[in-house]
């Protein structure tokens, strides 16, 4: 996917896909939200505001209260790329989120997903 397209993706259009992926594997919207809260520092209210405002991923991550300090512990391959080697900061953050949702869908324990 070209940088321009991924930068312009609206978070609220992808969010239901994260939930659908999790629910298809027996997980919940609340678990998806917990992952987003952990990664970004958003809470229930501020996440809803971002969804309602239909912000793109660039704004979503730029306005995130605080990226979790343990993001460097997120490693592995997503979409054919090692997340820890992605040089573009925004794309790396998007792939971190993709990776965490993927781990949830694969049944990984939440404490391991959240790098506790």
PDB file of N, CA and C in Angstrom:
ATOM      1  N   UNK A   1       0.845  -1.180   0.000  1.00  0.00           N
ATOM      2  CA  UNK A   1       0.000   0.000   0.000  1.00  0.00           C
ATOM      3  C   UNK A   1       0.886   1.237   0.000  1.00  0.00           C
ATOM      4  N   UNK A   2       0.552   2.188  -0.832  1.00  0.00           N
ATOM      5  CA  UNK A   2       1.326   3.422  -0.902  1.00  0.00           C
ATOM      6  C   UNK A   2       1.175   4.203   0.387  1.00  0.00           C
ATOM      7  N   UNK A   3       2.238   4.932   0.750  1.00  0.00           N
ATOM      8  CA  UNK A   3       2.221   5.752   1.963  1.00  0.00           C
ATOM      9  C   UNK A   3       1.020   6.687   2.000  1.00  0.00           C
ATOM     10  N   UNK A   4       0.744   7.327   0.876  1.00  0.00           N
ATOM     11  CA  UNK A   4      -0.337   8.304   0.848  1.00  0.00           C
ATOM     12  C   UNK A   4      -1.669   7.660   1.230  1.00  0.00           C
ATOM     13  N   UNK A   5      -1.899   6.450   0.750  1.00  0.00           N
ATOM     14  CA  UNK A   5      -3.160   5.761   1.037  1.00  0.00           C
ATOM     15  C   UNK A   5      -3.245   5.345   2.490  1.00  0.00           C
ATOM     16  N   UNK A   6      -2.168   4.823   3.043  1.00  0.00           N
ATOM     17  CA  UNK A   6      -2.212   4.368   4.425  1.00  0.00           C
ATOM     18  C   UNK A   6      -2.330   5.559   5.380  1.00  0.00           C
ATOM     19  N   UNK A   7      -1.711   6.673   5.042  1.00  0.00           N
ATOM     20  CA  UNK A   7      -1.797   7.878   5.870  1.00  0.00           C
ATOM     21  C   UNK A   7      -3.232   8.405   5.908  1.00  0.00           C
ATOM     22  N   UNK A   8      -3.948   8.246   4.791  1.00  0.00           N
ATOM     23  CA  UNK A   8      -5.294   8.797   4.672  1.00  0.00           C
ATOM     24  C   UNK A   8      -6.386   7.850   5.179  1.00  0.00           C
ATOM     25  N   UNK A   9      -6.018   6.626   5.542  1.00  0.00           N
ATOM     26  CA  UNK A   9      -7.019   5.691   6.059  1.00  0.00           C
ATOM     27  C   UNK A   9      -7.682   6.277   7.297  1.00  0.00           C
ATOM     28  N   UNK A  10      -8.983   6.237   7.322  1.00  0.00           N
ATOM     29  CA  UNK A  10      -9.737   6.752   8.453  1.00  0.00           C
ATOM     30  C   UNK A  10      -9.818   5.651   9.511  1.00  0.00           C
ATOM     31  N   UNK A  11      -9.372   5.984  10.724  1.00  0.00           N
ATOM     32  CA  UNK A  11      -9.339   4.991  11.794  1.00  0.00           C
ATOM     33  C   UNK A  11     -10.711   4.350  12.011  1.00  0.00           C
ATOM     34  N   UNK A  12     -11.772   5.167  12.009  1.00  0.00           N
ATOM     35  CA  UNK A  12     -13.106   4.633  12.280  1.00  0.00           C
ATOM     36  C   UNK A  12     -13.588   3.655  11.210  1.00  0.00           C
ATOM     37  N   UNK A  13     -12.971   3.665  10.033  1.00  0.00           N
ATOM     38  CA  UNK A  13     -13.345   2.695   9.003  1.00  0.00           C
ATOM     39  C   UNK A  13     -12.615   1.362   9.203  1.00  0.00           C
ATOM     40  N   UNK A  14     -11.481   1.389   9.878  1.00  0.00           N
ATOM     41  CA  UNK A  14     -10.706   0.170  10.119  1.00  0.00           C
ATOM     42  C   UNK A  14     -11.080  -0.463  11.460  1.00  0.00           C
ATOM     43  N   UNK A  15     -11.456   0.351  12.422  1.00  0.00           N
ATOM     44  CA  UNK A  15     -11.808  -0.112  13.772  1.00  0.00           C
ATOM     45  C   UNK A  15     -12.831  -1.258  13.759  1.00  0.00           C
ATOM     46  N   UNK A  16     -13.935  -1.153  12.997  1.00  0.00           N
ATOM     47  CA  UNK A  16     -14.883  -2.282  12.977  1.00  0.00           C
ATOM     48  C   UNK A  16     -14.269  -3.573  12.423  1.00  0.00           C
ATOM     49  N   UNK A  17     -13.280  -3.431  11.550  1.00  0.00           N
ATOM     50  CA  UNK A  17     -12.608  -4.616  11.008  1.00  0.00           C
ATOM     51  C   UNK A  17     -11.765  -5.305  12.083  1.00  0.00           C
ATOM     52  N   UNK A  18     -11.132  -4.511  12.950  1.00  0.00           N
ATOM     53  CA  UNK A  18     -10.408  -5.087  14.084  1.00  0.00           C
ATOM     54  C   UNK A  18     -11.371  -5.876  14.965  1.00  0.00           C
ATOM     55  N   UNK A  19     -12.527  -5.274  15.242  1.00  0.00           N
ATOM     56  CA  UNK A  19     -13.524  -5.928  16.098  1.00  0.00           C
ATOM     57  C   UNK A  19     -14.041  -7.204  15.429  1.00  0.00           C
ATOM     58  N   UNK A  20     -14.342  -7.113  14.149  1.00  0.00           N
ATOM     59  CA  UNK A  20     -14.840  -8.277  13.409  1.00  0.00           C
ATOM     60  C   UNK A  20     -13.827  -9.418  13.440  1.00  0.00           C
ATOM     61  N   UNK A  21     -12.567  -9.082  13.249  1.00  0.00           N
ATOM     62  CA  UNK A  21     -11.510 -10.101  13.260  1.00  0.00           C
ATOM     63  C   UNK A  21     -11.433 -10.773  14.630  1.00  0.00           C
ATOM     64  N   UNK A  22     -11.507  -9.976  15.689  1.00  0.00           N
ATOM     65  CA  UNK A  22     -11.446 -10.515  17.053  1.00  0.00           C
ATOM     66  C   UNK A  22     -12.676 -11.372  17.347  1.00  0.00           C
ATOM     67  N   UNK A  23     -13.858 -10.857  17.010  1.00  0.00           N
ATOM     68  CA  UNK A  23     -15.096 -11.585  17.305  1.00  0.00           C
ATOM     69  C   UNK A  23     -15.186 -12.897  16.533  1.00  0.00           C
ATOM     70  N   UNK A  24     -14.636 -12.922  15.325  1.00  0.00           N
ATOM     71  CA  UNK A  24     -14.636 -14.153  14.529  1.00  0.00           C
ATOM     72  C   UNK A  24     -13.851 -15.265  15.217  1.00  0.00           C
ATOM     73  N   UNK A  25     -12.935 -14.873  16.085  1.00  0.00           N
ATOM     74  CA  UNK A  25     -12.108 -15.849  16.807  1.00  0.00           C
ATOM     75  C   UNK A  25     -12.509 -15.960  18.276  1.00  0.00           C
ATOM     76  N   UNK A  26     -13.729 -15.482  18.604  1.00  0.00           N
ATOM     77  CA  UNK A  26     -14.248 -15.647  19.959  1.00  0.00           C
ATOM     78  C   UNK A  26     -13.813 -14.597  20.958  1.00  0.00           C
ATOM     79  N   UNK A  27     -13.335 -13.472  20.467  1.00  0.00           N
ATOM     80  CA  UNK A  27     -12.913 -12.385  21.361  1.00  0.00           C
ATOM     81  C   UNK A  27     -13.908 -11.232  21.279  1.00  0.00           C
ATOM     82  N   UNK A  28     -13.678 -10.188  22.052  1.00  0.00           N
ATOM     83  CA  UNK A  28     -14.671  -9.136  22.189  1.00  0.00           C
ATOM     84  C   UNK A  28     -14.144  -7.763  21.775  1.00  0.00           C
ATOM     85  N   UNK A  29     -15.098  -6.855  21.555  1.00  0.00           N
ATOM     86  CA  UNK A  29     -14.784  -5.459  21.294  1.00  0.00           C
ATOM     87  C   UNK A  29     -14.004  -4.876  22.468  1.00  0.00           C
ATOM     88  N   UNK A  30     -14.370  -5.275  23.682  1.00  0.00           N
ATOM     89  CA  UNK A  30     -13.695  -4.767  24.877  1.00  0.00           C
ATOM     90  C   UNK A  30     -12.217  -5.139  24.880  1.00  0.00           C
ATOM     91  N   UNK A  31     -11.902  -6.334  24.394  1.00  0.00           N
ATOM     92  CA  UNK A  31     -10.496  -6.742  24.316  1.00  0.00           C
ATOM     93  C   UNK A  31      -9.751  -5.911  23.267  1.00  0.00           C
ATOM     94  N   UNK A  32     -10.398  -5.641  22.147  1.00  0.00           N
ATOM     95  CA  UNK A  32      -9.802  -4.783  21.119  1.00  0.00           C
ATOM     96  C   UNK A  32      -9.539  -3.398  21.717  1.00  0.00           C
ATOM     97  N   UNK A  33     -10.543  -2.871  22.423  1.00  0.00           N
ATOM     98  CA  UNK A  33     -10.394  -1.554  23.045  1.00  0.00           C
ATOM     99  C   UNK A  33      -9.258  -1.551  24.065  1.00  0.00           C
ATOM    100  N   UNK A  34      -9.154  -2.610  24.845  1.00  0.00           N
ATOM    101  CA  UNK A  34      -8.081  -2.706  25.849  1.00  0.00           C
ATOM    102  C   UNK A  34      -6.707  -2.614  25.170  1.00  0.00           C
ATOM    103  N   UNK A  35      -6.568  -3.271  24.046  1.00  0.00           N
ATOM    104  CA  UNK A  35      -5.306  -3.218  23.296  1.00  0.00           C
ATOM    105  C   UNK A  35      -5.037  -1.793  22.813  1.00  0.00           C
ATOM    106  N   UNK A  36      -6.067  -1.131  22.274  1.00  0.00           N
ATOM    107  CA  UNK A  36      -5.903   0.236  21.783  1.00  0.00           C
ATOM    108  C   UNK A  36      -5.545   1.170  22.934  1.00  0.00           C
ATOM    109  N   UNK A  37      -6.221   1.014  24.077  1.00  0.00           N
ATOM    110  CA  UNK A  37      -5.914   1.848  25.250  1.00  0.00           C
ATOM    111  C   UNK A  37      -4.459   1.656  25.659  1.00  0.00           C
ATOM    112  N   UNK A  38      -4.018   0.404  25.714  1.00  0.00           N
ATOM    113  CA  UNK A  38      -2.646   0.097  26.136  1.00  0.00           C
ATOM    114  C   UNK A  38      -1.634   0.727  25.176  1.00  0.00           C
ATOM    115  N   UNK A  39      -1.877   0.580  23.877  1.00  0.00           N
ATOM    116  CA  UNK A  39      -0.920   1.056  22.888  1.00  0.00           C
ATOM    117  C   UNK A  39      -0.862   2.586  22.822  1.00  0.00           C
ATOM    118  N   UNK A  40      -2.014   3.239  22.903  1.00  0.00           N
ATOM    119  CA  UNK A  40      -2.087   4.667  22.595  1.00  0.00           C
ATOM    120  C   UNK A  40      -2.274   5.589  23.796  1.00  0.00           C
ATOM    121  N   UNK A  41      -2.782   5.065  24.887  1.00  0.00           N
ATOM    122  CA  UNK A  41      -3.100   5.906  26.029  1.00  0.00           C
ATOM    123  C   UNK A  41      -4.504   6.494  25.973  1.00  0.00           C
ATOM    124  N   UNK A  42      -5.230   6.228  24.888  1.00  0.00           N
ATOM    125  CA  UNK A  42      -6.630   6.664  24.851  1.00  0.00           C
ATOM    126  C   UNK A  42      -7.409   5.925  25.927  1.00  0.00           C
ATOM    127  N   UNK A  43      -8.548   6.488  26.325  1.00  0.00           N
ATOM    128  CA  UNK A  43      -9.478   5.792  27.206  1.00  0.00           C
ATOM    129  C   UNK A  43     -10.810   5.690  26.447  1.00  0.00           C
ATOM    130  N   UNK A  44     -11.817   5.145  27.115  1.00  0.00           N
ATOM    131  CA  UNK A  44     -13.100   4.916  26.437  1.00  0.00           C
ATOM    132  C   UNK A  44     -13.641   6.203  25.808  1.00  0.00           C
ATOM    133  N   UNK A  45     -13.617   7.284  26.566  1.00  0.00           N
ATOM    134  CA  UNK A  45     -14.166   8.562  26.097  1.00  0.00           C
ATOM    135  C   UNK A  45     -13.362   9.136  24.934  1.00  0.00           C
ATOM    136  N   UNK A  46     -12.040   9.185  25.078  1.00  0.00           N
ATOM    137  CA  UNK A  46     -11.211   9.806  24.040  1.00  0.00           C
ATOM    138  C   UNK A  46     -11.142   8.952  22.771  1.00  0.00           C
ATOM    139  N   UNK A  47     -11.212   7.629  22.916  1.00  0.00           N
ATOM    140  CA  UNK A  47     -11.254   6.763  21.735  1.00  0.00           C
ATOM    141  C   UNK A  47     -12.550   7.014  20.964  1.00  0.00           C
ATOM    142  N   UNK A  48     -13.659   7.090  21.677  1.00  0.00           N
ATOM    143  CA  UNK A  48     -14.945   7.358  21.025  1.00  0.00           C
ATOM    144  C   UNK A  48     -14.915   8.698  20.305  1.00  0.00           C
ATOM    145  N   UNK A  49     -14.295   9.706  20.916  1.00  0.00           N
ATOM    146  CA  UNK A  49     -14.199  11.016  20.273  1.00  0.00           C
ATOM    147  C   UNK A  49     -13.444  10.922  18.940  1.00  0.00           C
ATOM    148  N   UNK A  50     -12.349  10.176  18.938  1.00  0.00           N
ATOM    149  CA  UNK A  50     -11.563  10.025  17.706  1.00  0.00           C
ATOM    150  C   UNK A  50     -12.375   9.290  16.635  1.00  0.00           C
ATOM    151  N   UNK A  51     -13.117   8.278  17.052  1.00  0.00           N
ATOM    152  CA  UNK A  51     -13.951   7.529  16.114  1.00  0.00           C
ATOM    153  C   UNK A  51     -15.046   8.440  15.557  1.00  0.00           C
ATOM    154  N   UNK A  52     -15.703   9.183  16.431  1.00  0.00           N
ATOM    155  CA  UNK A  52     -16.787  10.082  16.012  1.00  0.00           C
ATOM    156  C   UNK A  52     -16.280  11.192  15.085  1.00  0.00           C
ATOM    157  N   UNK A  53     -15.056  11.650  15.311  1.00  0.00           N
ATOM    158  CA  UNK A  53     -14.471  12.714  14.485  1.00  0.00           C
ATOM    159  C   UNK A  53     -13.956  12.198  13.137  1.00  0.00           C
ATOM    160  N   UNK A  54     -13.924  10.875  12.990  1.00  0.00           N
ATOM    161  CA  UNK A  54     -13.465  10.238  11.749  1.00  0.00           C
ATOM    162  C   UNK A  54     -12.057  10.689  11.349  1.00  0.00           C
ATOM    163  N   UNK A  55     -11.153  10.669  12.318  1.00  0.00           N
ATOM    164  CA  UNK A  55      -9.770  11.068  12.047  1.00  0.00           C
ATOM    165  C   UNK A  55      -9.047   9.972  11.273  1.00  0.00           C
ATOM    166  N   UNK A  56      -8.045  10.394  10.515  1.00  0.00           N
ATOM    167  CA  UNK A  56      -7.216   9.407   9.821  1.00  0.00           C
ATOM    168  C   UNK A  56      -6.167   8.870  10.795  1.00  0.00           C
ATOM    169  N   UNK A  57      -5.449   7.848  10.366  1.00  0.00           N
ATOM    170  CA  UNK A  57      -4.459   7.232  11.252  1.00  0.00           C
ATOM    171  C   UNK A  57      -3.373   8.214  11.669  1.00  0.00           C
ATOM    172  N   UNK A  58      -3.002   9.118  10.774  1.00  0.00           N
ATOM    173  CA  UNK A  58      -1.954  10.087  11.111  1.00  0.00           C
ATOM    174  C   UNK A  58      -2.386  10.939  12.308  1.00  0.00           C
ATOM    175  N   UNK A  59      -3.589  11.453  12.270  1.00  0.00           N
ATOM    176  CA  UNK A  59      -4.101  12.268  13.384  1.00  0.00           C
ATOM    177  C   UNK A  59      -4.341  11.385  14.610  1.00  0.00           C
ATOM    178  N   UNK A  60      -4.877  10.191  14.383  1.00  0.00           N
ATOM    179  CA  UNK A  60      -5.159   9.278  15.489  1.00  0.00           C
ATOM    180  C   UNK A  60      -3.910   9.046  16.345  1.00  0.00           C
ATOM    181  N   UNK A  61      -2.791   8.752  15.692  1.00  0.00           N
ATOM    182  CA  UNK A  61      -1.566   8.503  16.454  1.00  0.00           C
ATOM    183  C   UNK A  61      -0.904   9.800  16.917  1.00  0.00           C
ATOM    184  N   UNK A  62      -1.019  10.869  16.139  1.00  0.00           N
ATOM    185  CA  UNK A  62      -0.428  12.151  16.552  1.00  0.00           C
ATOM    186  C   UNK A  62      -1.095  12.681  17.816  1.00  0.00           C
ATOM    187  N   UNK A  63      -2.386  12.423  17.970  1.00  0.00           N
ATOM    188  CA  UNK A  63      -3.123  12.923  19.123  1.00  0.00           C
ATOM    189  C   UNK A  63      -3.220  11.892  20.262  1.00  0.00           C
ATOM    190  N   UNK A  64      -2.617  10.744  20.065  1.00  0.00           N
ATOM    191  CA  UNK A  64      -2.649   9.726  21.125  1.00  0.00           C
ATOM    192  C   UNK A  64      -1.980  10.295  22.374  1.00  0.00           C
ATOM    193  N   UNK A  65      -2.617  10.122  23.536  1.00  0.00           N
ATOM    194  CA  UNK A  65      -2.052  10.680  24.770  1.00  0.00           C
ATOM    195  C   UNK A  65      -0.612  10.251  25.028  1.00  0.00           C
ATOM    196  N   UNK A  66      -0.331   8.958  24.859  1.00  0.00           N
ATOM    197  CA  UNK A  66       1.047   8.494  25.058  1.00  0.00           C
ATOM    198  C   UNK A  66       1.200   7.094  24.494  1.00  0.00           C
ATOM    199  N   UNK A  67       2.129   6.942  23.565  1.00  0.00           N
ATOM    200  CA  UNK A  67       2.431   5.616  23.058  1.00  0.00           C
ATOM    201  C   UNK A  67       3.066   4.817  24.189  1.00  0.00           C
ATOM    202  N   UNK A  68       2.620   3.602  24.366  1.00  0.00           N
ATOM    203  CA  UNK A  68       3.113   2.794  25.476  1.00  0.00           C
ATOM    204  C   UNK A  68       4.631   2.641  25.383  1.00  0.00           C
ATOM    205  N   UNK A  69       5.328   2.812  26.517  1.00  0.00           N
ATOM    206  CA  UNK A  69       6.793   2.696  26.492  1.00  0.00           C
ATOM    207  C   UNK A  69       7.294   1.283  26.153  1.00  0.00           C
ATOM    208  N   UNK A  70       6.414   0.293  26.204  1.00  0.00           N
ATOM    209  CA  UNK A  70       6.829  -1.075  25.902  1.00  0.00           C
ATOM    210  C   UNK A  70       6.619  -1.473  24.442  1.00  0.00           C
ATOM    211  N   UNK A  71       6.342  -0.492  23.561  1.00  0.00           N
ATOM    212  CA  UNK A  71       6.121  -0.852  22.157  1.00  0.00           C
ATOM    213  C   UNK A  71       7.341  -1.517  21.533  1.00  0.00           C
ATOM    214  N   UNK A  72       8.500  -1.234  22.052  1.00  0.00           N
ATOM    215  CA  UNK A  72       9.707  -1.856  21.490  1.00  0.00           C
ATOM    216  C   UNK A  72       9.712  -3.367  21.712  1.00  0.00           C
ATOM    217  N   UNK A  73       8.856  -3.844  22.602  1.00  0.00           N
ATOM    218  CA  UNK A  73       8.749  -5.286  22.847  1.00  0.00           C
ATOM    219  C   UNK A  73       7.843  -5.975  21.818  1.00  0.00           C
ATOM    220  N   UNK A  74       7.183  -5.184  20.976  1.00  0.00           N
ATOM    221  CA  UNK A  74       6.344  -5.759  19.921  1.00  0.00           C
ATOM    222  C   UNK A  74       7.252  -6.093  18.751  1.00  0.00           C
ATOM    223  N   UNK A  75       7.377  -7.365  18.486  1.00  0.00           N
ATOM    224  CA  UNK A  75       8.258  -7.824  17.411  1.00  0.00           C
ATOM    225  C   UNK A  75       7.521  -8.871  16.585  1.00  0.00           C
ATOM    226  N   UNK A  76       8.068  -9.155  15.442  1.00  0.00           N
ATOM    227  CA  UNK A  76       7.489 -10.188  14.594  1.00  0.00           C
ATOM    228  C   UNK A  76       7.086  -9.638  13.247  1.00  0.00           C
ATOM    229  N   UNK A  77       6.478 -10.503  12.459  1.00  0.00           N
ATOM    230  CA  UNK A  77       6.135 -10.168  11.085  1.00  0.00           C
ATOM    231  C   UNK A  77       4.642  -9.895  10.966  1.00  0.00           C
ATOM    232  N   UNK A  78       4.331  -8.810  10.278  1.00  0.00           N
ATOM    233  CA  UNK A  78       2.940  -8.492   9.942  1.00  0.00           C
ATOM    234  C   UNK A  78       2.942  -7.954   8.515  1.00  0.00           C
ATOM    235  N   UNK A  79       2.089  -8.486   7.689  1.00  0.00           N
ATOM    236  CA  UNK A  79       2.005  -8.071   6.276  1.00  0.00           C
ATOM    237  C   UNK A  79       3.353  -8.201   5.570  1.00  0.00           C
ATOM    238  N   UNK A  80       4.129  -9.187   5.960  1.00  0.00           N
ATOM    239  CA  UNK A  80       5.403  -9.444   5.307  1.00  0.00           C
ATOM    240  C   UNK A  80       6.569  -8.604   5.776  1.00  0.00           C
ATOM    241  N   UNK A  81       6.354  -7.766   6.776  1.00  0.00           N
ATOM    242  CA  UNK A  81       7.417  -6.897   7.291  1.00  0.00           C
ATOM    243  C   UNK A  81       7.630  -7.133   8.775  1.00  0.00           C
ATOM    244  N   UNK A  82       8.874  -7.071   9.212  1.00  0.00           N
ATOM    245  CA  UNK A  82       9.170  -7.143  10.641  1.00  0.00           C
ATOM    246  C   UNK A  82       8.821  -5.785  11.236  1.00  0.00           C
ATOM    247  N   UNK A  83       7.904  -5.761  12.198  1.00  0.00           N
ATOM    248  CA  UNK A  83       7.439  -4.478  12.737  1.00  0.00           C
ATOM    249  C   UNK A  83       8.563  -3.671  13.355  1.00  0.00           C
ATOM    250  N   UNK A  84       9.518  -4.336  13.959  1.00  0.00           N
ATOM    251  CA  UNK A  84      10.609  -3.615  14.614  1.00  0.00           C
ATOM    252  C   UNK A  84      11.580  -2.981  13.620  1.00  0.00           C
ATOM    253  N   UNK A  85      11.477  -3.340  12.337  1.00  0.00           N
ATOM    254  CA  UNK A  85      12.384  -2.805  11.324  1.00  0.00           C
ATOM    255  C   UNK A  85      11.734  -1.757  10.418  1.00  0.00           C
ATOM    256  N   UNK A  86      10.458  -1.481  10.621  1.00  0.00           N
ATOM    257  CA  UNK A  86       9.774  -0.496   9.786  1.00  0.00           C
ATOM    258  C   UNK A  86      10.306   0.890  10.147  1.00  0.00           C
ATOM    259  N   UNK A  87      10.773   1.613   9.140  1.00  0.00           N
ATOM    260  CA  UNK A  87      11.426   2.903   9.379  1.00  0.00           C
ATOM    261  C   UNK A  87      10.444   4.060   9.502  1.00  0.00           C
ATOM    262  N   UNK A  88       9.342   4.022   8.769  1.00  0.00           N
ATOM    263  CA  UNK A  88       8.360   5.101   8.834  1.00  0.00           C
ATOM    264  C   UNK A  88       7.595   4.985  10.158  1.00  0.00           C
ATOM    265  N   UNK A  89       7.678   6.013  10.977  1.00  0.00           N
ATOM    266  CA  UNK A  89       7.097   5.978  12.314  1.00  0.00           C
ATOM    267  C   UNK A  89       5.602   5.712  12.347  1.00  0.00           C
ATOM    268  N   UNK A  90       4.849   6.375  11.466  1.00  0.00           N
ATOM    269  CA  UNK A  90       3.403   6.175  11.458  1.00  0.00           C
ATOM    270  C   UNK A  90       3.045   4.768  11.011  1.00  0.00           C
ATOM    271  N   UNK A  91       3.659   4.320   9.947  1.00  0.00           N
ATOM    272  CA  UNK A  91       3.365   2.973   9.456  1.00  0.00           C
ATOM    273  C   UNK A  91       3.738   1.945  10.517  1.00  0.00           C
ATOM    274  N   UNK A  92       4.817   2.165  11.228  1.00  0.00           N
ATOM    275  CA  UNK A  92       5.206   1.250  12.294  1.00  0.00           C
ATOM    276  C   UNK A  92       4.134   1.201  13.383  1.00  0.00           C
ATOM    277  N   UNK A  93       3.587   2.353  13.770  1.00  0.00           N
ATOM    278  CA  UNK A  93       2.540   2.379  14.796  1.00  0.00           C
ATOM    279  C   UNK A  93       1.291   1.647  14.325  1.00  0.00           C
ATOM    280  N   UNK A  94       0.917   1.852  13.064  1.00  0.00           N
ATOM    281  CA  UNK A  94      -0.246   1.156  12.510  1.00  0.00           C
ATOM    282  C   UNK A  94       0.005  -0.346  12.535  1.00  0.00           C
ATOM    283  N   UNK A  95       1.199  -0.760  12.163  1.00  0.00           N
ATOM    284  CA  UNK A  95       1.520  -2.190  12.138  1.00  0.00           C
ATOM    285  C   UNK A  95       1.624  -2.768  13.547  1.00  0.00           C
ATOM    286  N   UNK A  96       2.057  -1.958  14.518  1.00  0.00           N
ATOM    287  CA  UNK A  96       2.016  -2.412  15.912  1.00  0.00           C
ATOM    288  C   UNK A  96       0.586  -2.788  16.279  1.00  0.00           C
ATOM    289  N   UNK A  97      -0.346  -1.916  15.949  1.00  0.00           N
ATOM    290  CA  UNK A  97      -1.743  -2.177  16.271  1.00  0.00           C
ATOM    291  C   UNK A  97      -2.239  -3.413  15.525  1.00  0.00           C
ATOM    292  N   UNK A  98      -1.906  -3.518  14.252  1.00  0.00           N
ATOM    293  CA  UNK A  98      -2.284  -4.709  13.472  1.00  0.00           C
ATOM    294  C   UNK A  98      -1.741  -5.981  14.122  1.00  0.00           C
ATOM    295  N   UNK A  99      -0.495  -5.927  14.543  1.00  0.00           N
ATOM    296  CA  UNK A  99       0.170  -7.088  15.146  1.00  0.00           C
ATOM    297  C   UNK A  99      -0.533  -7.492  16.437  1.00  0.00           C
ATOM    298  N   UNK A 100      -0.879  -6.517  17.281  1.00  0.00           N
ATOM    299  CA  UNK A 100      -1.537  -6.827  18.549  1.00  0.00           C
ATOM    300  C   UNK A 100      -2.919  -7.429  18.321  1.00  0.00           C
ATOM    301  N   UNK A 101      -3.661  -6.894  17.366  1.00  0.00           N
ATOM    302  CA  UNK A 101      -4.989  -7.444  17.049  1.00  0.00           C
ATOM    303  C   UNK A 101      -4.835  -8.856  16.480  1.00  0.00           C
ATOM    304  N   UNK A 102      -3.828  -9.057  15.666  1.00  0.00           N
ATOM    305  CA  UNK A 102      -3.520 -10.381  15.120  1.00  0.00           C
ATOM    306  C   UNK A 102      -3.243 -11.384  16.249  1.00  0.00           C
ATOM    307  N   UNK A 103      -2.455 -10.963  17.214  1.00  0.00           N
ATOM    308  CA  UNK A 103      -2.131 -11.838  18.344  1.00  0.00           C
ATOM    309  C   UNK A 103      -3.390 -12.197  19.131  1.00  0.00           C
ATOM    310  N   UNK A 104      -4.280 -11.236  19.312  1.00  0.00           N
ATOM    311  CA  UNK A 104      -5.553 -11.506  19.990  1.00  0.00           C
ATOM    312  C   UNK A 104      -6.349 -12.547  19.217  1.00  0.00           C
ATOM    313  N   UNK A 105      -6.468 -12.342  17.909  1.00  0.00           N
ATOM    314  CA  UNK A 105      -7.229 -13.263  17.062  1.00  0.00           C
ATOM    315  C   UNK A 105      -6.630 -14.670  17.059  1.00  0.00           C
ATOM    316  N   UNK A 106      -5.327 -14.756  17.258  1.00  0.00           N
ATOM    317  CA  UNK A 106      -4.659 -16.064  17.284  1.00  0.00           C
ATOM    318  C   UNK A 106      -4.723 -16.719  18.657  1.00  0.00           C
ATOM    319  N   UNK A 107      -5.357 -16.037  19.633  1.00  0.00           N
ATOM    320  CA  UNK A 107      -5.562 -16.646  20.937  1.00  0.00           C
ATOM    321  C   UNK A 107      -4.457 -16.428  21.948  1.00  0.00           C
ATOM    322  N   UNK A 108      -3.554 -15.527  21.674  1.00  0.00           N
ATOM    323  CA  UNK A 108      -2.482 -15.232  22.625  1.00  0.00           C
ATOM    324  C   UNK A 108      -3.087 -14.608  23.887  1.00  0.00           C
ATOM    325  N   UNK A 109      -2.549 -14.927  25.032  1.00  0.00           N
ATOM    326  CA  UNK A 109      -3.053 -14.405  26.302  1.00  0.00           C
ATOM    327  C   UNK A 109      -2.875 -12.888  26.360  1.00  0.00           C
ATOM    328  N   UNK A 110      -3.858 -12.217  26.937  1.00  0.00           N
ATOM    329  CA  UNK A 110      -3.839 -10.746  26.978  1.00  0.00           C
ATOM    330  C   UNK A 110      -2.593 -10.209  27.685  1.00  0.00           C
ATOM    331  N   UNK A 111      -2.153 -10.854  28.744  1.00  0.00           N
ATOM    332  CA  UNK A 111      -0.957 -10.334  29.435  1.00  0.00           C
ATOM    333  C   UNK A 111       0.277 -10.417  28.540  1.00  0.00           C
ATOM    334  N   UNK A 112       0.311 -11.381  27.621  1.00  0.00           N
ATOM    335  CA  UNK A 112       1.431 -11.453  26.676  1.00  0.00           C
ATOM    336  C   UNK A 112       1.265 -10.423  25.559  1.00  0.00           C
ATOM    337  N   UNK A 113       0.026 -10.223  25.110  1.00  0.00           N
ATOM    338  CA  UNK A 113      -0.237  -9.214  24.076  1.00  0.00           C
ATOM    339  C   UNK A 113       0.179  -7.842  24.587  1.00  0.00           C
ATOM    340  N   UNK A 114      -0.159  -7.565  25.848  1.00  0.00           N
ATOM    341  CA  UNK A 114       0.145  -6.253  26.442  1.00  0.00           C
ATOM    342  C   UNK A 114       1.547  -6.179  27.032  1.00  0.00           C
ATOM    343  N   UNK A 115       2.331  -7.173  26.705  1.00  0.00           N
ATOM    344  CA  UNK A 115       3.747  -7.210  27.108  1.00  0.00           C
ATOM    345  C   UNK A 115       3.927  -6.946  28.604  1.00  0.00           C
ATOM    346  N   UNK A 116       3.087  -7.599  29.404  1.00  0.00           N
ATOM    347  CA  UNK A 116       3.152  -7.435  30.868  1.00  0.00           C
ATOM    348  C   UNK A 116       4.225  -8.307  31.485  1.00  0.00           C
TER     349      UNK A 116
END
